[in-house]
């Protein structure tokens, strides 16, 4: 991958250090009923092992601590493990809602750190087998989440499977996680490339994880964003970077989020900055159909 021009590198540096736009507006009303206002943020990666789940979990916690109502959906339908990081054992998951056995409130686990966790399930792809009435009932049940919270964070799988692409396209925004490893950058670009060819292109930003410092983060951003701009015509923003920090590994072994275990460590500081940027941006939710309605459409 080639480097991008100096002026674009400066723009990326400004994006990584700058303040985001004004805060999201309050939820609209229609006929006295509160409509969807949750911002749906999908977090995905081109390959596994880049820290995607840790970022999703800790971003959810950081946003919750800022006063936002947050739901974390473990949407990695193959190897869901947000519950492992959080050391919780949900009894139910989305498959129980799909089968009509539980409501969305009954499967959600309220965490001590603030957010609510909903465990995904491989059964979500079975939506394609539902009849119109069952599908509508499912959408209405899931749509309750979008009226009751400010953010829904989706911890998606790695790679370019149908499930990952469906969640990414249905979300309002997509954070693509990569690291300085050449394979991680190449696979992140591959994910971005596939999504540019889908019928619905999500708003995409980069999160650079496991970097030694600001300069390394800038170099990774320059390489990935430069190739995406040159060959795909896509302008990628940089949502933030997370420093390489042994405290993260220690937290995983403790099965506690790093923001809980080591709130003042370098990685936690970066995660708090990421939440500050994400939380202060203006959401683009008005005028769009509900997330779960869009998602079911992709699976159907």
Protein backbone atom coordinates (compact mmCIF):
# COMPACT_ATOMS: atom_id res chain seq x y z
CA UNK A 1 0.00 0.00 0.00
CA UNK A 2 1.33 3.43 -0.90
CA UNK A 3 1.38 6.48 1.31
CA UNK A 4 -1.03 9.35 0.71
CA UNK A 5 0.00 12.96 0.08
CA UNK A 6 1.22 15.12 2.95
CA UNK A 7 -1.85 17.38 2.90
CA UNK A 8 -4.18 14.39 3.29
CA UNK A 9 -1.99 13.02 6.08
CA UNK A 10 -2.37 16.36 7.83
CA UNK A 11 -6.14 16.13 7.42
CA UNK A 12 -6.13 12.66 8.97
CA UNK A 13 -3.99 13.92 11.85
CA UNK A 14 -6.52 16.68 12.42
CA UNK A 15 -9.36 14.16 12.36
CA UNK A 16 -7.65 11.95 14.92
CA UNK A 17 -7.05 14.78 17.34
CA UNK A 18 -9.96 17.09 16.63
CA UNK A 19 -13.29 17.48 18.31
CA UNK A 20 -16.40 16.01 16.72
CA UNK A 21 -19.55 17.80 15.69
CA UNK A 22 -22.33 18.88 18.00
CA UNK A 23 -24.27 16.42 20.12
CA UNK A 24 -27.18 14.44 18.73
CA UNK A 25 -30.54 16.07 18.89
CA UNK A 26 -33.38 14.78 21.00
CA UNK A 27 -35.64 12.07 19.64
CA UNK A 28 -38.44 13.21 17.35
CA UNK A 29 -42.08 12.81 18.29
CA UNK A 30 -45.00 11.78 16.12
CA UNK A 31 -48.52 11.69 17.47
CA UNK A 32 -47.13 11.76 21.01
CA UNK A 33 -45.06 8.62 20.38
CA UNK A 34 -41.28 8.63 20.56
CA UNK A 35 -39.77 7.49 17.26
CA UNK A 36 -36.45 5.81 16.65
CA UNK A 37 -33.50 7.88 17.76
CA UNK A 38 -30.87 5.28 18.60
CA UNK A 39 -27.67 5.54 16.60
CA UNK A 40 -26.68 2.11 15.35
CA UNK A 41 -22.90 1.68 15.29
CA UNK A 42 -21.50 -1.55 13.90
CA UNK A 43 -17.94 -2.56 14.78
CA UNK A 44 -16.30 -5.03 12.41
CA UNK A 45 -12.88 -6.08 11.15
CA UNK A 46 -11.36 -7.78 8.16
CA UNK A 47 -9.73 -10.44 10.32
CA UNK A 48 -10.01 -11.80 13.82
CA UNK A 49 -7.65 -11.04 16.68
CA UNK A 50 -7.52 -7.26 16.23
CA UNK A 51 -9.39 -6.41 19.46
CA UNK A 52 -12.80 -5.71 17.95
CA UNK A 53 -14.81 -7.14 20.85
CA UNK A 54 -12.76 -5.31 23.48
CA UNK A 55 -13.38 -2.04 21.66
CA UNK A 56 -17.13 -2.73 21.36
CA UNK A 57 -17.46 -3.64 25.03
CA UNK A 58 -15.44 -0.73 26.38
CA UNK A 59 -16.96 1.80 23.98
CA UNK A 60 -20.40 0.74 25.23
CA UNK A 61 -19.30 1.22 28.84
CA UNK A 62 -17.69 4.59 28.16
CA UNK A 63 -20.78 5.90 26.36
CA UNK A 64 -22.98 4.66 29.20
CA UNK A 65 -20.84 6.49 31.73
CA UNK A 66 -21.40 9.68 29.76
CA UNK A 67 -25.11 9.36 30.44
CA UNK A 68 -26.19 7.65 27.24
CA UNK A 69 -28.55 4.68 27.23
CA UNK A 70 -26.59 1.93 25.48
CA UNK A 71 -27.38 -1.57 24.28
CA UNK A 72 -24.50 -3.82 23.23
CA UNK A 73 -25.53 -6.54 20.80
CA UNK A 74 -23.06 -9.38 20.38
CA UNK A 75 -23.71 -9.86 16.68
CA UNK A 76 -20.75 -12.15 16.01
CA UNK A 77 -22.97 -15.04 15.02
CA UNK A 78 -20.11 -17.50 14.72
CA UNK A 79 -17.98 -16.96 17.83
CA UNK A 80 -19.90 -14.56 20.05
CA UNK A 81 -17.73 -13.79 23.10
CA UNK A 82 -18.66 -10.38 24.49
CA UNK A 83 -20.25 -12.26 27.37
CA UNK A 84 -16.88 -13.89 28.08
CA UNK A 85 -15.12 -10.52 28.24
CA UNK A 86 -17.85 -9.24 30.55
CA UNK A 87 -17.94 -12.43 32.65
CA UNK A 88 -21.70 -12.85 32.32
CA UNK A 89 -23.78 -15.81 31.18
CA UNK A 90 -27.00 -14.72 29.46
CA UNK A 91 -29.65 -17.42 29.63
CA UNK A 92 -31.32 -16.33 26.41
CA UNK A 93 -30.33 -14.78 23.09
CA UNK A 94 -31.92 -13.40 19.93
CA UNK A 95 -32.90 -16.87 18.73
CA UNK A 96 -35.41 -17.05 21.60
CA UNK A 97 -37.00 -13.81 20.38
CA UNK A 98 -37.06 -15.11 16.82
CA UNK A 99 -38.91 -18.23 17.96
CA UNK A 100 -41.34 -16.16 19.99
CA UNK A 101 -40.22 -17.72 23.28
CA UNK A 102 -38.96 -14.52 24.96
CA UNK A 103 -39.38 -10.77 24.62
CA UNK A 104 -36.49 -8.45 23.92
CA UNK A 105 -36.57 -7.25 27.53
CA UNK A 106 -36.37 -10.81 28.83
CA UNK A 107 -33.16 -11.61 26.94
CA UNK A 108 -31.35 -8.34 27.75
CA UNK A 109 -28.82 -8.44 30.61
CA UNK A 110 -28.22 -5.18 32.48
CA UNK A 111 -24.52 -4.89 33.30
CA UNK A 112 -23.10 -3.33 36.46
CA UNK A 113 -21.07 -1.01 34.23
CA UNK A 114 -24.21 0.48 32.70
CA UNK A 115 -25.05 -0.93 29.25
CA UNK A 116 -27.45 -3.73 28.49
CA UNK A 117 -26.12 -6.80 26.68
CA UNK A 118 -28.03 -8.84 24.14
CA UNK A 119 -26.36 -12.01 22.95
CA UNK A 120 -26.70 -12.77 19.26
CA UNK A 121 -27.23 -16.22 17.88
CA UNK A 122 -26.55 -18.14 14.73
CA UNK A 123 -30.31 -18.55 14.56
CA UNK A 124 -30.65 -14.96 13.41
CA UNK A 125 -30.03 -16.06 9.85
CA UNK A 126 -33.18 -18.20 10.22
CA UNK A 127 -35.13 -14.96 9.76
CA UNK A 128 -35.16 -15.86 6.07
CA UNK A 129 -37.41 -18.82 6.89
CA UNK A 130 -40.02 -16.78 8.76
CA UNK A 131 -43.39 -15.99 7.27
CA UNK A 132 -44.49 -12.37 6.77
CA UNK A 133 -46.51 -12.19 10.01
CA UNK A 134 -43.75 -13.74 12.14
CA UNK A 135 -41.18 -11.47 10.53
CA UNK A 136 -43.29 -8.38 11.22
CA UNK A 137 -43.80 -9.40 14.86
CA UNK A 138 -40.04 -9.89 15.24
CA UNK A 139 -39.28 -6.47 13.75
CA UNK A 140 -41.79 -4.78 16.06
CA UNK A 141 -40.29 -6.51 19.09
CA UNK A 142 -36.73 -5.57 18.20
CA UNK A 143 -37.71 -2.03 17.28
CA UNK A 144 -38.52 -1.40 20.94
CA UNK A 145 -34.78 -1.17 21.53
CA UNK A 146 -34.45 1.69 19.09
CA UNK A 147 -37.01 3.79 20.95
CA UNK A 148 -35.56 3.08 24.39
CA UNK A 149 -31.86 3.82 23.96
CA UNK A 150 -29.44 6.31 22.48
CA UNK A 151 -26.86 3.90 21.07
CA UNK A 152 -26.95 0.31 19.86
CA UNK A 153 -23.40 -1.01 19.51
CA UNK A 154 -23.06 -4.09 17.31
CA UNK A 155 -20.04 -6.32 17.87
CA UNK A 156 -19.98 -7.93 14.44
CA UNK A 157 -17.92 -10.85 13.23
CA UNK A 158 -14.65 -10.68 11.31
CA UNK A 159 -14.37 -11.07 7.57
CA UNK A 160 -16.88 -10.59 4.77
CA UNK A 161 -19.57 -13.17 5.51
CA UNK A 162 -23.22 -12.49 4.72
CA UNK A 163 -23.91 -11.83 8.39
CA UNK A 164 -21.17 -9.22 8.72
CA UNK A 165 -22.21 -7.43 5.54
CA UNK A 166 -25.88 -7.43 6.57
CA UNK A 167 -25.18 -5.83 9.95
CA UNK A 168 -22.77 -3.32 8.42
CA UNK A 169 -25.20 -2.22 5.71
CA UNK A 170 -28.13 -1.94 8.10
CA UNK A 171 -26.21 0.15 10.66
CA UNK A 172 -26.02 3.93 10.60
CA UNK A 173 -22.24 3.87 10.95
CA UNK A 174 -19.46 1.29 10.70
CA UNK A 175 -16.19 1.35 12.63
CA UNK A 176 -13.61 -0.80 10.86
CA UNK A 177 -10.96 -1.99 13.33
CA UNK A 178 -7.44 -2.72 12.16
CA UNK A 179 -3.94 -2.94 13.60
CA UNK A 180 -0.48 -2.13 12.16
CA UNK A 181 -0.07 -5.76 11.03
CA UNK A 182 0.04 -5.96 7.20
CA UNK A 183 -2.53 -8.77 7.17
CA UNK A 184 -4.94 -6.75 9.33
CA UNK A 185 -4.62 -3.71 7.06
CA UNK A 186 -5.07 -5.80 3.93
CA UNK A 187 -8.16 -7.53 5.32
CA UNK A 188 -9.61 -4.23 6.55
CA UNK A 189 -9.25 -2.87 3.03
CA UNK A 190 -10.92 -6.02 1.67
CA UNK A 191 -13.94 -5.46 3.94
CA UNK A 192 -14.16 -1.82 2.90
CA UNK A 193 -13.88 -2.79 -0.75
CA UNK A 194 -16.72 -5.32 -0.56
CA UNK A 195 -18.98 -2.84 1.23
CA UNK A 196 -18.42 -0.20 -1.46
CA UNK A 197 -19.95 -2.65 -3.95
CA UNK A 198 -23.06 -3.44 -1.92
CA UNK A 199 -26.44 -1.81 -2.67
CA UNK A 200 -26.23 0.18 0.58
CA UNK A 201 -22.88 1.72 1.51
CA UNK A 202 -22.60 2.50 5.23
CA UNK A 203 -20.75 5.50 6.62
CA UNK A 204 -17.31 4.05 7.48
CA UNK A 205 -14.52 5.17 9.81
CA UNK A 206 -11.27 3.56 10.95
CA UNK A 207 -10.22 2.62 14.47
CA UNK A 208 -6.52 1.82 14.68
CA UNK A 209 -5.84 -0.60 17.53
CA UNK A 210 -2.66 -1.81 19.23
CA UNK A 211 -0.41 1.02 18.09
CA UNK A 212 2.82 2.16 19.73
CA UNK A 213 1.97 5.83 19.44
CA UNK A 214 0.30 8.59 17.48
CA UNK A 215 2.76 8.46 14.60
CA UNK A 216 2.21 4.74 14.02
CA UNK A 217 -1.55 5.30 14.09
CA UNK A 218 -1.18 8.04 11.49
CA UNK A 219 0.92 5.79 9.25
CA UNK A 220 -1.66 2.98 9.36
CA UNK A 221 -4.49 5.42 8.67
CA UNK A 222 -2.56 6.96 5.78
CA UNK A 223 -1.99 3.58 4.15
CA UNK A 224 -5.52 2.21 4.47
CA UNK A 225 -7.30 5.48 3.76
CA UNK A 226 -4.92 6.30 0.91
CA UNK A 227 -5.60 3.06 -0.96
CA UNK A 228 -9.35 3.34 -0.31
CA UNK A 229 -9.37 6.88 -1.71
CA UNK A 230 -7.25 5.98 -4.73
CA UNK A 231 -8.89 2.74 -5.83
CA UNK A 232 -12.39 2.89 -4.33
CA UNK A 233 -13.15 6.59 -4.28
CA UNK A 234 -13.95 6.34 -0.56
CA UNK A 235 -12.97 9.02 1.93
CA UNK A 236 -12.41 7.36 5.30
CA UNK A 237 -12.46 9.31 8.54
CA UNK A 238 -10.44 8.17 11.55
CA UNK A 239 -12.58 7.72 14.66
CA UNK A 240 -9.61 7.10 16.95
CA UNK A 241 -6.69 4.91 17.93
CA UNK A 242 -5.96 2.63 20.89
CA UNK A 243 -2.45 2.32 22.28
CA UNK A 244 -0.80 -1.06 22.69
CA UNK A 245 -1.19 -1.76 26.40
CA UNK A 246 -0.51 -4.86 28.49
CA UNK A 247 -3.36 -3.85 30.78
CA UNK A 248 -5.80 -4.93 28.05
CA UNK A 249 -4.44 -8.49 28.07
CA UNK A 250 -4.53 -8.55 31.85
CA UNK A 251 -8.15 -7.44 31.81
CA UNK A 252 -9.10 -10.18 29.36
CA UNK A 253 -7.54 -12.75 31.69
CA UNK A 254 -9.50 -11.22 34.56
CA UNK A 255 -12.65 -11.28 32.39
CA UNK A 256 -13.25 -7.62 33.15
CA UNK A 257 -13.36 -4.66 30.75
CA UNK A 258 -10.17 -2.63 30.88
CA UNK A 259 -12.16 0.51 31.71
CA UNK A 260 -13.24 -1.22 34.92
CA UNK A 261 -9.93 -2.89 35.77
CA UNK A 262 -7.49 -0.14 34.82
CA UNK A 263 -9.47 3.06 34.17
CA UNK A 264 -6.36 5.27 33.98
CA UNK A 265 -4.14 3.11 31.79
CA UNK A 266 -3.16 4.34 28.28
CA UNK A 267 -5.67 2.09 26.49
CA UNK A 268 -8.51 3.25 28.72
CA UNK A 269 -7.63 6.86 28.02
CA UNK A 270 -7.81 6.18 24.28
CA UNK A 271 -11.12 4.36 24.62
CA UNK A 272 -12.57 7.27 26.58
CA UNK A 273 -11.43 9.63 23.81
CA UNK A 274 -13.08 7.39 21.20
CA UNK A 275 -16.34 7.49 23.17
CA UNK A 276 -16.07 11.27 23.46
CA UNK A 277 -15.77 11.60 19.69
CA UNK A 278 -18.53 9.09 18.92
CA UNK A 279 -20.86 10.47 21.57
CA UNK A 280 -20.53 14.07 20.44
CA UNK A 281 -21.23 13.42 16.77
CA UNK A 282 -24.65 14.18 15.37
CA UNK A 283 -26.49 11.00 14.49
CA UNK A 284 -28.03 10.47 11.05
CA UNK A 285 -31.10 8.51 12.12
CA UNK A 286 -34.04 10.67 11.16
CA UNK A 287 -35.75 9.74 7.93
CA UNK A 288 -34.28 6.23 7.87
CA UNK A 289 -36.27 3.05 8.49
CA UNK A 290 -35.57 1.26 11.75
CA UNK A 291 -32.34 -0.71 11.94
CA UNK A 292 -33.93 -4.08 12.59
CA UNK A 293 -36.41 -3.58 9.76
CA UNK A 294 -33.47 -2.95 7.42
CA UNK A 295 -31.55 -5.88 8.87
CA UNK A 296 -34.39 -8.35 8.40
CA UNK A 297 -34.63 -7.14 4.81
CA UNK A 298 -31.00 -8.09 4.20
CA UNK A 299 -31.51 -11.57 5.61
CA UNK A 300 -34.77 -12.15 3.79
